[in-house]
Structures are given as structure tokens and as C-alpha cells.
Amino acid sequence: VYGRHLSFATWALSSADIRNGNLPTDIPGLNVTVLVRGLPVPLYYVSPTQINALIPASFTPGPARLEISRGSARGPRVDFTLVEEA
């Protein structure tokens, strides 16, 4: 996701961030969360202008909505269509 003011700082995933085999869905201190279909998705990279997130393979194809929050601030909701992976 590209935009402006997505985060107050830059963070990139490291092995220390992985807990019990799970990637983080919220970055401590940044309070950035990405929701797809109302569920938090794992994050790989967060910066003021870019967020890299992973949509789990368990999500079925079809309509979806993306929402990003930074603390109490929320961005616009973006509707899109999930397709099967190739």
C-alpha cells in the first residue's frame, strides 16, 4: 500500500518480531494496523509512505475491503477483489 502519513516512523520485519511462528499484525510504538475483511493481517514493512502486508492464503477469493489505522486515525476504506494465486 502506498500513501502519505501511513506511519510516524519506519519499521522492517526482523526475526525478533516473529512470535510463536506468527508475523506481527500491530507494531509496538507505531500503532499501525491493516485490516482486510475486518481482520488484522501480518506486516512486513511500515513507513510513512508504504506498508507491505501479507493477505493470508486462507482468505477466499472475492470482494474485500482494506482499512489502515494509525492509532485513532483511520484512512479511507478501499474495496478490491481478491483473486486466486497463480
PDB file of N, CA and C in Angstrom:
ATOM      1  N   VAL A   1       0.856  -1.158   0.000  1.00  0.00           N
ATOM      2  CA  VAL A   1       0.000   0.000   0.000  1.00  0.00           C
ATOM      3  C   VAL A   1       0.904   1.223   0.000  1.00  0.00           C
ATOM      4  N   TYR A   2       0.626   2.159  -0.887  1.00  0.00           N
ATOM      5  CA  TYR A   2       1.376   3.407  -0.931  1.00  0.00           C
ATOM      6  C   TYR A   2       0.455   4.553  -0.536  1.00  0.00           C
ATOM      7  N   GLY A   3       1.000   5.521   0.151  1.00  0.00           N
ATOM      8  CA  GLY A   3       0.202   6.674   0.557  1.00  0.00           C
ATOM      9  C   GLY A   3       1.070   7.694   1.261  1.00  0.00           C
ATOM     10  N   ARG A   4       0.428   8.534   2.059  1.00  0.00           N
ATOM     11  CA  ARG A   4       1.133   9.558   2.838  1.00  0.00           C
ATOM     12  C   ARG A   4       0.667   9.459   4.281  1.00  0.00           C
ATOM     13  N   HIS A   5       1.567   9.730   5.192  1.00  0.00           N
ATOM     14  CA  HIS A   5       1.245   9.754   6.623  1.00  0.00           C
ATOM     15  C   HIS A   5       0.711   8.409   7.122  1.00  0.00           C
ATOM     16  N   LEU A   6       1.210   7.304   6.559  1.00  0.00           N
ATOM     17  CA  LEU A   6       0.765   5.980   6.981  1.00  0.00           C
ATOM     18  C   LEU A   6       1.345   5.604   8.340  1.00  0.00           C
ATOM     19  N   SER A   7       2.505   6.162   8.683  1.00  0.00           N
ATOM     20  CA  SER A   7       3.180   5.866   9.937  1.00  0.00           C
ATOM     21  C   SER A   7       4.032   7.067  10.324  1.00  0.00           C
ATOM     22  N   PHE A   8       4.402   7.135  11.599  1.00  0.00           N
ATOM     23  CA  PHE A   8       5.288   8.204  12.054  1.00  0.00           C
ATOM     24  C   PHE A   8       6.759   7.808  11.947  1.00  0.00           C
ATOM     25  N   ALA A   9       7.041   6.534  11.691  1.00  0.00           N
ATOM     26  CA  ALA A   9       8.420   6.041  11.614  1.00  0.00           C
ATOM     27  C   ALA A   9       8.481   4.856  10.659  1.00  0.00           C
ATOM     28  N   THR A  10       9.693   4.390  10.391  1.00  0.00           N
ATOM     29  CA  THR A  10       9.897   3.243   9.511  1.00  0.00           C
ATOM     30  C   THR A  10      10.270   2.021  10.353  1.00  0.00           C
ATOM     31  N   TRP A  11       9.691   0.892   9.997  1.00  0.00           N
ATOM     32  CA  TRP A  11       9.951  -0.380  10.671  1.00  0.00           C
ATOM     33  C   TRP A  11      10.010  -1.469   9.613  1.00  0.00           C
ATOM     34  N   ALA A  12      10.943  -2.412   9.776  1.00  0.00           N
ATOM     35  CA  ALA A  12      11.042  -3.570   8.882  1.00  0.00           C
ATOM     36  C   ALA A  12      11.109  -4.834   9.738  1.00  0.00           C
ATOM     37  N   LEU A  13      10.461  -5.869   9.289  1.00  0.00           N
ATOM     38  CA  LEU A  13      10.395  -7.137   9.998  1.00  0.00           C
ATOM     39  C   LEU A  13      11.790  -7.710  10.235  1.00  0.00           C
ATOM     40  N   SER A  14      12.026  -8.205  11.449  1.00  0.00           N
ATOM     41  CA  SER A  14      13.246  -8.945  11.763  1.00  0.00           C
ATOM     42  C   SER A  14      12.845 -10.230  12.467  1.00  0.00           C
ATOM     43  N   SER A  15      13.759 -11.134  12.603  1.00  0.00           N
ATOM     44  CA  SER A  15      13.436 -12.423  13.230  1.00  0.00           C
ATOM     45  C   SER A  15      12.944 -12.235  14.668  1.00  0.00           C
ATOM     46  N   ALA A  16      13.380 -11.182  15.346  1.00  0.00           N
ATOM     47  CA  ALA A  16      12.947 -10.920  16.725  1.00  0.00           C
ATOM     48  C   ALA A  16      11.465 -10.563  16.801  1.00  0.00           C
ATOM     49  N   ASP A  17      10.879 -10.142  15.678  1.00  0.00           N
ATOM     50  CA  ASP A  17       9.467  -9.748  15.658  1.00  0.00           C
ATOM     51  C   ASP A  17       8.521 -10.933  15.510  1.00  0.00           C
ATOM     52  N   ILE A  18       9.045 -12.092  15.136  1.00  0.00           N
ATOM     53  CA  ILE A  18       8.208 -13.271  14.909  1.00  0.00           C
ATOM     54  C   ILE A  18       7.992 -13.977  16.241  1.00  0.00           C
ATOM     55  N   ARG A  19       6.725 -14.142  16.628  1.00  0.00           N
ATOM     56  CA  ARG A  19       6.381 -14.771  17.903  1.00  0.00           C
ATOM     57  C   ARG A  19       5.562 -16.028  17.655  1.00  0.00           C
ATOM     58  N   ASN A  20       6.041 -17.154  18.173  1.00  0.00           N
ATOM     59  CA  ASN A  20       5.339 -18.436  18.015  1.00  0.00           C
ATOM     60  C   ASN A  20       5.036 -18.738  16.545  1.00  0.00           C
ATOM     61  N   GLY A  21       5.945 -18.349  15.661  1.00  0.00           N
ATOM     62  CA  GLY A  21       5.773 -18.605  14.235  1.00  0.00           C
ATOM     63  C   GLY A  21       4.838 -17.643  13.527  1.00  0.00           C
ATOM     64  N   ASN A  22       4.384 -16.602  14.232  1.00  0.00           N
ATOM     65  CA  ASN A  22       3.444 -15.645  13.645  1.00  0.00           C
ATOM     66  C   ASN A  22       4.101 -14.291  13.409  1.00  0.00           C
ATOM     67  N   LEU A  23       3.792 -13.704  12.258  1.00  0.00           N
ATOM     68  CA  LEU A  23       4.255 -12.349  11.965  1.00  0.00           C
ATOM     69  C   LEU A  23       3.384 -11.360  12.721  1.00  0.00           C
ATOM     70  N   PRO A  24       3.922 -10.190  13.074  1.00  0.00           N
ATOM     71  CA  PRO A  24       3.134  -9.216  13.827  1.00  0.00           C
ATOM     72  C   PRO A  24       2.031  -8.582  12.979  1.00  0.00           C
ATOM     73  N   THR A  25       0.933  -8.257  13.632  1.00  0.00           N
ATOM     74  CA  THR A  25      -0.169  -7.544  12.963  1.00  0.00           C
ATOM     75  C   THR A  25      -0.286  -6.114  13.470  1.00  0.00           C
ATOM     76  N   ASP A  26       0.442  -5.790  14.527  1.00  0.00           N
ATOM     77  CA  ASP A  26       0.474  -4.439  15.080  1.00  0.00           C
ATOM     78  C   ASP A  26       1.898  -4.196  15.557  1.00  0.00           C
ATOM     79  N   ILE A  27       2.465  -3.067  15.206  1.00  0.00           N
ATOM     80  CA  ILE A  27       3.846  -2.776  15.548  1.00  0.00           C
ATOM     81  C   ILE A  27       3.876  -1.912  16.807  1.00  0.00           C
ATOM     82  N   PRO A  28       4.437  -2.421  17.912  1.00  0.00           N
ATOM     83  CA  PRO A  28       4.507  -1.627  19.142  1.00  0.00           C
ATOM     84  C   PRO A  28       5.189  -0.284  18.902  1.00  0.00           C
ATOM     85  N   GLY A  29       4.602   0.753  19.404  1.00  0.00           N
ATOM     86  CA  GLY A  29       5.154   2.090  19.236  1.00  0.00           C
ATOM     87  C   GLY A  29       4.670   2.802  17.984  1.00  0.00           C
ATOM     88  N   LEU A  30       4.285   2.058  16.967  1.00  0.00           N
ATOM     89  CA  LEU A  30       3.773   2.676  15.741  1.00  0.00           C
ATOM     90  C   LEU A  30       2.251   2.664  15.693  1.00  0.00           C
ATOM     91  N   ASN A  31       1.658   1.655  16.322  1.00  0.00           N
ATOM     92  CA  ASN A  31       0.193   1.510  16.341  1.00  0.00           C
ATOM     93  C   ASN A  31      -0.416   1.547  14.948  1.00  0.00           C
ATOM     94  N   VAL A  32       0.240   0.876  14.001  1.00  0.00           N
ATOM     95  CA  VAL A  32      -0.268   0.772  12.631  1.00  0.00           C
ATOM     96  C   VAL A  32      -0.868  -0.619  12.453  1.00  0.00           C
ATOM     97  N   THR A  33      -2.092  -0.658  11.965  1.00  0.00           N
ATOM     98  CA  THR A  33      -2.777  -1.924  11.719  1.00  0.00           C
ATOM     99  C   THR A  33      -3.410  -1.885  10.343  1.00  0.00           C
ATOM    100  N   VAL A  34      -3.337  -3.015   9.630  1.00  0.00           N
ATOM    101  CA  VAL A  34      -4.004  -3.169   8.338  1.00  0.00           C
ATOM    102  C   VAL A  34      -5.062  -4.254   8.502  1.00  0.00           C
ATOM    103  N   LEU A  35      -6.285  -3.925   8.156  1.00  0.00           N
ATOM    104  CA  LEU A  35      -7.382  -4.886   8.209  1.00  0.00           C
ATOM    105  C   LEU A  35      -7.820  -5.234   6.798  1.00  0.00           C
ATOM    106  N   VAL A  36      -8.054  -6.503   6.559  1.00  0.00           N
ATOM    107  CA  VAL A  36      -8.658  -6.974   5.320  1.00  0.00           C
ATOM    108  C   VAL A  36      -9.849  -7.818   5.740  1.00  0.00           C
ATOM    109  N   ARG A  37     -11.009  -7.456   5.247  1.00  0.00           N
ATOM    110  CA  ARG A  37     -12.256  -8.106   5.661  1.00  0.00           C
ATOM    111  C   ARG A  37     -12.433  -8.036   7.178  1.00  0.00           C
ATOM    112  N   GLY A  38     -11.967  -6.941   7.758  1.00  0.00           N
ATOM    113  CA  GLY A  38     -12.131  -6.721   9.184  1.00  0.00           C
ATOM    114  C   GLY A  38     -11.156  -7.456  10.075  1.00  0.00           C
ATOM    115  N   LEU A  39     -10.217  -8.196   9.487  1.00  0.00           N
ATOM    116  CA  LEU A  39      -9.241  -8.968  10.264  1.00  0.00           C
ATOM    117  C   LEU A  39      -7.842  -8.379  10.088  1.00  0.00           C
ATOM    118  N   PRO A  40      -7.050  -8.292  11.166  1.00  0.00           N
ATOM    119  CA  PRO A  40      -5.686  -7.785  11.030  1.00  0.00           C
ATOM    120  C   PRO A  40      -4.818  -8.759  10.244  1.00  0.00           C
ATOM    121  N   VAL A  41      -4.010  -8.220   9.338  1.00  0.00           N
ATOM    122  CA  VAL A  41      -3.124  -9.053   8.527  1.00  0.00           C
ATOM    123  C   VAL A  41      -1.673  -8.793   8.924  1.00  0.00           C
ATOM    124  N   PRO A  42      -0.797  -9.797   8.730  1.00  0.00           N
ATOM    125  CA  PRO A  42       0.614  -9.652   9.100  1.00  0.00           C
ATOM    126  C   PRO A  42       1.311  -8.548   8.301  1.00  0.00           C
ATOM    127  N   LEU A  43       2.256  -7.885   8.986  1.00  0.00           N
ATOM    128  CA  LEU A  43       3.004  -6.782   8.397  1.00  0.00           C
ATOM    129  C   LEU A  43       4.466  -7.165   8.209  1.00  0.00           C
ATOM    130  N   TYR A  44       5.049  -6.711   7.082  1.00  0.00           N
ATOM    131  CA  TYR A  44       6.463  -6.932   6.780  1.00  0.00           C
ATOM    132  C   TYR A  44       7.265  -5.635   6.877  1.00  0.00           C
ATOM    133  N   TYR A  45       6.626  -4.541   6.502  1.00  0.00           N
ATOM    134  CA  TYR A  45       7.333  -3.264   6.413  1.00  0.00           C
ATOM    135  C   TYR A  45       6.320  -2.145   6.583  1.00  0.00           C
ATOM    136  N   VAL A  46       6.700  -1.123   7.361  1.00  0.00           N
ATOM    137  CA  VAL A  46       5.831   0.031   7.576  1.00  0.00           C
ATOM    138  C   VAL A  46       6.692   1.284   7.501  1.00  0.00           C
ATOM    139  N   SER A  47       6.255   2.271   6.736  1.00  0.00           N
ATOM    140  CA  SER A  47       6.938   3.557   6.673  1.00  0.00           C
ATOM    141  C   SER A  47       5.878   4.640   6.467  1.00  0.00           C
ATOM    142  N   PRO A  48       6.267   5.904   6.516  1.00  0.00           N
ATOM    143  CA  PRO A  48       5.285   6.957   6.293  1.00  0.00           C
ATOM    144  C   PRO A  48       4.614   6.913   4.909  1.00  0.00           C
ATOM    145  N   THR A  49       5.277   6.274   3.937  1.00  0.00           N
ATOM    146  CA  THR A  49       4.720   6.276   2.578  1.00  0.00           C
ATOM    147  C   THR A  49       4.402   4.891   2.022  1.00  0.00           C
ATOM    148  N   GLN A  50       4.707   3.826   2.773  1.00  0.00           N
ATOM    149  CA  GLN A  50       4.481   2.475   2.249  1.00  0.00           C
ATOM    150  C   GLN A  50       4.238   1.483   3.375  1.00  0.00           C
ATOM    151  N   ILE A  51       3.319   0.544   3.144  1.00  0.00           N
ATOM    152  CA  ILE A  51       3.097  -0.582   4.046  1.00  0.00           C
ATOM    153  C   ILE A  51       3.083  -1.852   3.203  1.00  0.00           C
ATOM    154  N   ASN A  52       3.877  -2.850   3.630  1.00  0.00           N
ATOM    155  CA  ASN A  52       3.855  -4.165   2.994  1.00  0.00           C
ATOM    156  C   ASN A  52       3.172  -5.122   3.967  1.00  0.00           C
ATOM    157  N   ALA A  53       2.084  -5.711   3.545  1.00  0.00           N
ATOM    158  CA  ALA A  53       1.318  -6.637   4.382  1.00  0.00           C
ATOM    159  C   ALA A  53       1.068  -7.914   3.597  1.00  0.00           C
ATOM    160  N   LEU A  54       0.758  -8.984   4.332  1.00  0.00           N
ATOM    161  CA  LEU A  54       0.506 -10.284   3.730  1.00  0.00           C
ATOM    162  C   LEU A  54      -0.957 -10.646   3.911  1.00  0.00           C
ATOM    163  N   ILE A  55      -1.641 -10.913   2.820  1.00  0.00           N
ATOM    164  CA  ILE A  55      -3.007 -11.414   2.905  1.00  0.00           C
ATOM    165  C   ILE A  55      -2.905 -12.932   2.988  1.00  0.00           C
ATOM    166  N   PRO A  56      -3.357 -13.516   4.096  1.00  0.00           N
ATOM    167  CA  PRO A  56      -3.203 -14.964   4.285  1.00  0.00           C
ATOM    168  C   PRO A  56      -3.866 -15.782   3.179  1.00  0.00           C
ATOM    169  N   ALA A  57      -3.276 -16.926   2.877  1.00  0.00           N
ATOM    170  CA  ALA A  57      -3.800 -17.819   1.845  1.00  0.00           C
ATOM    171  C   ALA A  57      -5.170 -18.371   2.207  1.00  0.00           C
ATOM    172  N   SER A  58      -5.530 -18.309   3.483  1.00  0.00           N
ATOM    173  CA  SER A  58      -6.840 -18.814   3.909  1.00  0.00           C
ATOM    174  C   SER A  58      -7.991 -17.900   3.497  1.00  0.00           C
ATOM    175  N   PHE A  59      -7.691 -16.684   3.054  1.00  0.00           N
ATOM    176  CA  PHE A  59      -8.742 -15.775   2.589  1.00  0.00           C
ATOM    177  C   PHE A  59      -9.242 -16.263   1.232  1.00  0.00           C
ATOM    178  N   THR A  60     -10.524 -16.421   1.094  1.00  0.00           N
ATOM    179  CA  THR A  60     -11.095 -16.911  -0.154  1.00  0.00           C
ATOM    180  C   THR A  60     -11.202 -15.781  -1.176  1.00  0.00           C
ATOM    181  N   PRO A  61     -11.157 -16.116  -2.457  1.00  0.00           N
ATOM    182  CA  PRO A  61     -11.319 -15.092  -3.488  1.00  0.00           C
ATOM    183  C   PRO A  61     -12.681 -14.422  -3.381  1.00  0.00           C
ATOM    184  N   GLY A  62     -12.727 -13.172  -3.808  1.00  0.00           N
ATOM    185  CA  GLY A  62     -13.982 -12.435  -3.802  1.00  0.00           C
ATOM    186  C   GLY A  62     -13.795 -11.019  -3.295  1.00  0.00           C
ATOM    187  N   PRO A  63     -14.896 -10.318  -3.070  1.00  0.00           N
ATOM    188  CA  PRO A  63     -14.832  -8.930  -2.619  1.00  0.00           C
ATOM    189  C   PRO A  63     -14.136  -8.815  -1.261  1.00  0.00           C
ATOM    190  N   ALA A  64     -13.400  -7.734  -1.081  1.00  0.00           N
ATOM    191  CA  ALA A  64     -12.709  -7.487   0.183  1.00  0.00           C
ATOM    192  C   ALA A  64     -12.593  -5.983   0.394  1.00  0.00           C
ATOM    193  N   ARG A  65     -12.359  -5.613   1.633  1.00  0.00           N
ATOM    194  CA  ARG A  65     -12.156  -4.204   1.975  1.00  0.00           C
ATOM    195  C   ARG A  65     -10.861  -4.093   2.776  1.00  0.00           C
ATOM    196  N   LEU A  66     -10.047  -3.104   2.420  1.00  0.00           N
ATOM    197  CA  LEU A  66      -8.798  -2.811   3.097  1.00  0.00           C
ATOM    198  C   LEU A  66      -8.986  -1.557   3.933  1.00  0.00           C
ATOM    199  N   GLU A  67      -8.529  -1.613   5.197  1.00  0.00           N
ATOM    200  CA  GLU A  67      -8.577  -0.456   6.087  1.00  0.00           C
ATOM    201  C   GLU A  67      -7.239  -0.347   6.798  1.00  0.00           C
ATOM    202  N   ILE A  68      -6.725   0.857   6.909  1.00  0.00           N
ATOM    203  CA  ILE A  68      -5.475   1.098   7.618  1.00  0.00           C
ATOM    204  C   ILE A  68      -5.757   2.069   8.755  1.00  0.00           C
ATOM    205  N   SER A  69      -5.217   1.736   9.927  1.00  0.00           N
ATOM    206  CA  SER A  69      -5.335   2.668  11.051  1.00  0.00           C
ATOM    207  C   SER A  69      -3.958   2.952  11.614  1.00  0.00           C
ATOM    208  N   ARG A  70      -3.792   4.167  12.079  1.00  0.00           N
ATOM    209  CA  ARG A  70      -2.575   4.606  12.760  1.00  0.00           C
ATOM    210  C   ARG A  70      -3.039   5.243  14.061  1.00  0.00           C
ATOM    211  N   GLY A  71      -2.991   4.455  15.127  1.00  0.00           N
ATOM    212  CA  GLY A  71      -3.562   4.926  16.382  1.00  0.00           C
ATOM    213  C   GLY A  71      -5.060   5.090  16.214  1.00  0.00           C
ATOM    214  N   SER A  72      -5.583   6.259  16.546  1.00  0.00           N
ATOM    215  CA  SER A  72      -7.022   6.503  16.400  1.00  0.00           C
ATOM    216  C   SER A  72      -7.378   7.036  15.007  1.00  0.00           C
ATOM    217  N   ALA A  73      -6.366   7.353  14.183  1.00  0.00           N
ATOM    218  CA  ALA A  73      -6.621   7.849  12.825  1.00  0.00           C
ATOM    219  C   ALA A  73      -6.880   6.678  11.883  1.00  0.00           C
ATOM    220  N   ARG A  74      -7.867   6.827  11.041  1.00  0.00           N
ATOM    221  CA  ARG A  74      -8.191   5.787  10.060  1.00  0.00           C
ATOM    222  C   ARG A  74      -8.181   6.395   8.666  1.00  0.00           C
ATOM    223  N   GLY A  75      -7.630   5.614   7.740  1.00  0.00           N
ATOM    224  CA  GLY A  75      -7.619   6.050   6.351  1.00  0.00           C
ATOM    225  C   GLY A  75      -8.918   5.673   5.673  1.00  0.00           C
ATOM    226  N   PRO A  76      -9.059   6.034   4.420  1.00  0.00           N
ATOM    227  CA  PRO A  76     -10.272   5.649   3.689  1.00  0.00           C
ATOM    228  C   PRO A  76     -10.321   4.134   3.479  1.00  0.00           C
ATOM    229  N   ARG A  77     -11.497   3.604   3.438  1.00  0.00           N
ATOM    230  CA  ARG A  77     -11.672   2.179   3.134  1.00  0.00           C
ATOM    231  C   ARG A  77     -11.532   1.997   1.634  1.00  0.00           C
ATOM    232  N   VAL A  78     -10.839   0.928   1.262  1.00  0.00           N
ATOM    233  CA  VAL A  78     -10.620   0.642  -0.156  1.00  0.00           C
ATOM    234  C   VAL A  78     -11.195  -0.732  -0.461  1.00  0.00           C
ATOM    235  N   ASP A  79     -12.149  -0.777  -1.367  1.00  0.00           N
ATOM    236  CA  ASP A  79     -12.730  -2.045  -1.792  1.00  0.00           C
ATOM    237  C   ASP A  79     -11.922  -2.587  -2.969  1.00  0.00           C
ATOM    238  N   PHE A  80     -11.699  -3.906  -2.945  1.00  0.00           N
ATOM    239  CA  PHE A  80     -10.966  -4.561  -4.028  1.00  0.00           C
ATOM    240  C   PHE A  80     -11.425  -6.006  -4.115  1.00  0.00           C
ATOM    241  N   THR A  81     -10.939  -6.724  -5.113  1.00  0.00           N
ATOM    242  CA  THR A  81     -11.298  -8.118  -5.294  1.00  0.00           C
ATOM    243  C   THR A  81     -10.070  -8.995  -5.117  1.00  0.00           C
ATOM    244  N   LEU A  82     -10.167  -9.962  -4.222  1.00  0.00           N
ATOM    245  CA  LEU A  82      -9.106 -10.951  -4.059  1.00  0.00           C
ATOM    246  C   LEU A  82      -9.260 -11.997  -5.148  1.00  0.00           C
ATOM    247  N   VAL A  83      -8.167 -12.376  -5.768  1.00  0.00           N
ATOM    248  CA  VAL A  83      -8.198 -13.418  -6.781  1.00  0.00           C
ATOM    249  C   VAL A  83      -7.315 -14.570  -6.321  1.00  0.00           C
ATOM    250  N   GLU A  84      -7.533 -15.748  -6.892  1.00  0.00           N
ATOM    251  CA  GLU A  84      -6.705 -16.900  -6.549  1.00  0.00           C
ATOM    252  C   GLU A  84      -5.286 -16.640  -6.993  1.00  0.00           C
ATOM    253  N   GLU A  85      -4.335 -17.184  -6.224  1.00  0.00           N
ATOM    254  CA  GLU A  85      -2.940 -17.028  -6.609  1.00  0.00           C
ATOM    255  C   GLU A  85      -2.637 -17.921  -7.804  1.00  0.00           C
ATOM    256  N   ALA A  86      -1.650 -17.511  -8.560  1.00  0.00           N
ATOM    257  CA  ALA A  86      -1.282 -18.266  -9.760  1.00  0.00           C
ATOM    258  C   ALA A  86      -0.249 -19.318  -9.430  1.00  0.00           C
TER     259      ALA A  86
END
